[in-house]
């Protein structure tokens, strides 16, 4: 189903499209995911709708059902991919 009209109370939430995560193998080609997210973000901005870019840094404190060694990450691990055209508006 193609969406041709956005609800006026809609916001776009883009989660985890950061350099460290897009650099690991994924089930779907990540370039397509990034391209589609960037296109959606631009469409939302064009209609003055909010775009929220969310990244992850670390794990949830107190969670113990999964133990994993996080190790050292590159300094730019949490930086959002530039294709998202991060903007600050307040």
C-alpha atoms as a PDB file:
ATOM      1  CA  UNK A   1       0.000   0.000   0.000  1.00  0.00           C
ATOM      2  CA  UNK A   2       1.413   3.364  -0.997  1.00  0.00           C
ATOM      3  CA  UNK A   3       1.018   6.248   1.392  1.00  0.00           C
ATOM      4  CA  UNK A   4       0.284   9.460  -0.442  1.00  0.00           C
ATOM      5  CA  UNK A   5      -0.825  11.694   2.421  1.00  0.00           C
ATOM      6  CA  UNK A   6       0.731  12.246   5.837  1.00  0.00           C
ATOM      7  CA  UNK A   7      -1.316  12.836   8.949  1.00  0.00           C
ATOM      8  CA  UNK A   8      -0.658  16.333  10.299  1.00  0.00           C
ATOM      9  CA  UNK A   9       0.256  14.862  13.709  1.00  0.00           C
ATOM     10  CA  UNK A  10       2.846  12.421  12.341  1.00  0.00           C
ATOM     11  CA  UNK A  11       6.521  12.365  13.287  1.00  0.00           C
ATOM     12  CA  UNK A  12       9.291  10.296  11.726  1.00  0.00           C
ATOM     13  CA  UNK A  13      11.512   8.388  14.160  1.00  0.00           C
ATOM     14  CA  UNK A  14      14.742   7.070  12.653  1.00  0.00           C
ATOM     15  CA  UNK A  15      16.489   4.639  14.998  1.00  0.00           C
ATOM     16  CA  UNK A  16      20.113   3.434  14.982  1.00  0.00           C
ATOM     17  CA  UNK A  17      21.237   4.642  11.553  1.00  0.00           C
ATOM     18  CA  UNK A  18      24.627   5.496  12.952  1.00  0.00           C
ATOM     19  CA  UNK A  19      28.081   4.784  11.555  1.00  0.00           C
ATOM     20  CA  UNK A  20      28.852   1.893  13.907  1.00  0.00           C
ATOM     21  CA  UNK A  21      25.643   0.030  13.212  1.00  0.00           C
ATOM     22  CA  UNK A  22      25.459   0.527   9.442  1.00  0.00           C
ATOM     23  CA  UNK A  23      28.993  -0.883   9.287  1.00  0.00           C
ATOM     24  CA  UNK A  24      27.945  -4.367  10.456  1.00  0.00           C
ATOM     25  CA  UNK A  25      26.304  -7.059   8.297  1.00  0.00           C
ATOM     26  CA  UNK A  26      22.508  -6.735   8.063  1.00  0.00           C
ATOM     27  CA  UNK A  27      19.630  -8.866   6.792  1.00  0.00           C
ATOM     28  CA  UNK A  28      18.748  -6.261   4.144  1.00  0.00           C
ATOM     29  CA  UNK A  29      21.136  -4.100   2.115  1.00  0.00           C
ATOM     30  CA  UNK A  30      21.846  -1.215   4.486  1.00  0.00           C
ATOM     31  CA  UNK A  31      22.448   1.272   1.652  1.00  0.00           C
ATOM     32  CA  UNK A  32      18.798   0.895   0.630  1.00  0.00           C
ATOM     33  CA  UNK A  33      17.643   1.385   4.232  1.00  0.00           C
ATOM     34  CA  UNK A  34      19.737   4.560   4.584  1.00  0.00           C
ATOM     35  CA  UNK A  35      18.546   5.915   1.223  1.00  0.00           C
ATOM     36  CA  UNK A  36      14.894   5.313   2.073  1.00  0.00           C
ATOM     37  CA  UNK A  37      15.248   6.838   5.550  1.00  0.00           C
ATOM     38  CA  UNK A  38      16.939   9.931   4.080  1.00  0.00           C
ATOM     39  CA  UNK A  39      14.148  10.308   1.508  1.00  0.00           C
ATOM     40  CA  UNK A  40      11.490   9.992   4.182  1.00  0.00           C
ATOM     41  CA  UNK A  41      13.274  12.532   6.406  1.00  0.00           C
ATOM     42  CA  UNK A  42      13.436  15.014   3.535  1.00  0.00           C
ATOM     43  CA  UNK A  43       9.726  14.519   2.758  1.00  0.00           C
ATOM     44  CA  UNK A  44       8.787  15.089   6.401  1.00  0.00           C
ATOM     45  CA  UNK A  45      10.930  18.228   6.600  1.00  0.00           C
ATOM     46  CA  UNK A  46       9.416  19.539   3.374  1.00  0.00           C
ATOM     47  CA  UNK A  47       6.000  19.266   5.049  1.00  0.00           C
ATOM     48  CA  UNK A  48       7.263  20.853   8.299  1.00  0.00           C
ATOM     49  CA  UNK A  49       6.783  17.584  10.176  1.00  0.00           C
ATOM     50  CA  UNK A  50       9.178  16.516  12.941  1.00  0.00           C
ATOM     51  CA  UNK A  51      12.075  14.173  12.226  1.00  0.00           C
ATOM     52  CA  UNK A  52      13.633  12.565  15.305  1.00  0.00           C
ATOM     53  CA  UNK A  53      17.017  10.887  14.826  1.00  0.00           C
ATOM     54  CA  UNK A  54      17.815   8.389  17.591  1.00  0.00           C
ATOM     55  CA  UNK A  55      21.123   6.671  18.216  1.00  0.00           C
ATOM     56  CA  UNK A  56      22.284   4.160  20.801  1.00  0.00           C
ATOM     57  CA  UNK A  57      25.396   4.356  22.935  1.00  0.00           C
ATOM     58  CA  UNK A  58      26.007   1.445  25.294  1.00  0.00           C
ATOM     59  CA  UNK A  59      23.577  -0.961  26.876  1.00  0.00           C
ATOM     60  CA  UNK A  60      20.650  -0.681  29.227  1.00  0.00           C
ATOM     61  CA  UNK A  61      21.899  -0.565  32.836  1.00  0.00           C
ATOM     62  CA  UNK A  62      20.715  -3.438  35.007  1.00  0.00           C
ATOM     63  CA  UNK A  63      19.773  -5.714  32.094  1.00  0.00           C
ATOM     64  CA  UNK A  64      21.338  -9.121  32.599  1.00  0.00           C
ATOM     65  CA  UNK A  65      19.402 -11.527  30.356  1.00  0.00           C
ATOM     66  CA  UNK A  66      22.036 -11.078  27.647  1.00  0.00           C
ATOM     67  CA  UNK A  67      25.672 -10.778  28.448  1.00  0.00           C
ATOM     68  CA  UNK A  68      27.901  -9.543  25.704  1.00  0.00           C
ATOM     69  CA  UNK A  69      31.305  -8.005  25.595  1.00  0.00           C
ATOM     70  CA  UNK A  70      30.905  -4.562  24.095  1.00  0.00           C
ATOM     71  CA  UNK A  71      34.631  -3.895  23.920  1.00  0.00           C
ATOM     72  CA  UNK A  72      36.035  -0.718  22.465  1.00  0.00           C
ATOM     73  CA  UNK A  73      34.147   1.058  19.706  1.00  0.00           C
ATOM     74  CA  UNK A  74      35.619   3.474  17.164  1.00  0.00           C
ATOM     75  CA  UNK A  75      35.263   7.147  18.181  1.00  0.00           C
ATOM     76  CA  UNK A  76      32.582   7.803  15.527  1.00  0.00           C
ATOM     77  CA  UNK A  77      30.481   4.715  16.436  1.00  0.00           C
ATOM     78  CA  UNK A  78      27.453   6.733  17.577  1.00  0.00           C
ATOM     79  CA  UNK A  79      27.570   9.434  14.890  1.00  0.00           C
ATOM     80  CA  UNK A  80      24.521   9.433  12.649  1.00  0.00           C
ATOM     81  CA  UNK A  81      25.155   8.725   8.985  1.00  0.00           C
ATOM     82  CA  UNK A  82      25.511  12.000   7.046  1.00  0.00           C
ATOM     83  CA  UNK A  83      22.836  10.994   4.522  1.00  0.00           C
ATOM     84  CA  UNK A  84      20.197  11.781   7.177  1.00  0.00           C
ATOM     85  CA  UNK A  85      21.128  15.470   6.946  1.00  0.00           C
ATOM     86  CA  UNK A  86      20.916  16.044  10.693  1.00  0.00           C
ATOM     87  CA  UNK A  87      19.384  19.409  11.512  1.00  0.00           C
ATOM     88  CA  UNK A  88      18.979  21.254  14.765  1.00  0.00           C
ATOM     89  CA  UNK A  89      15.801  23.260  15.083  1.00  0.00           C
ATOM     90  CA  UNK A  90      14.387  24.499  18.367  1.00  0.00           C
END
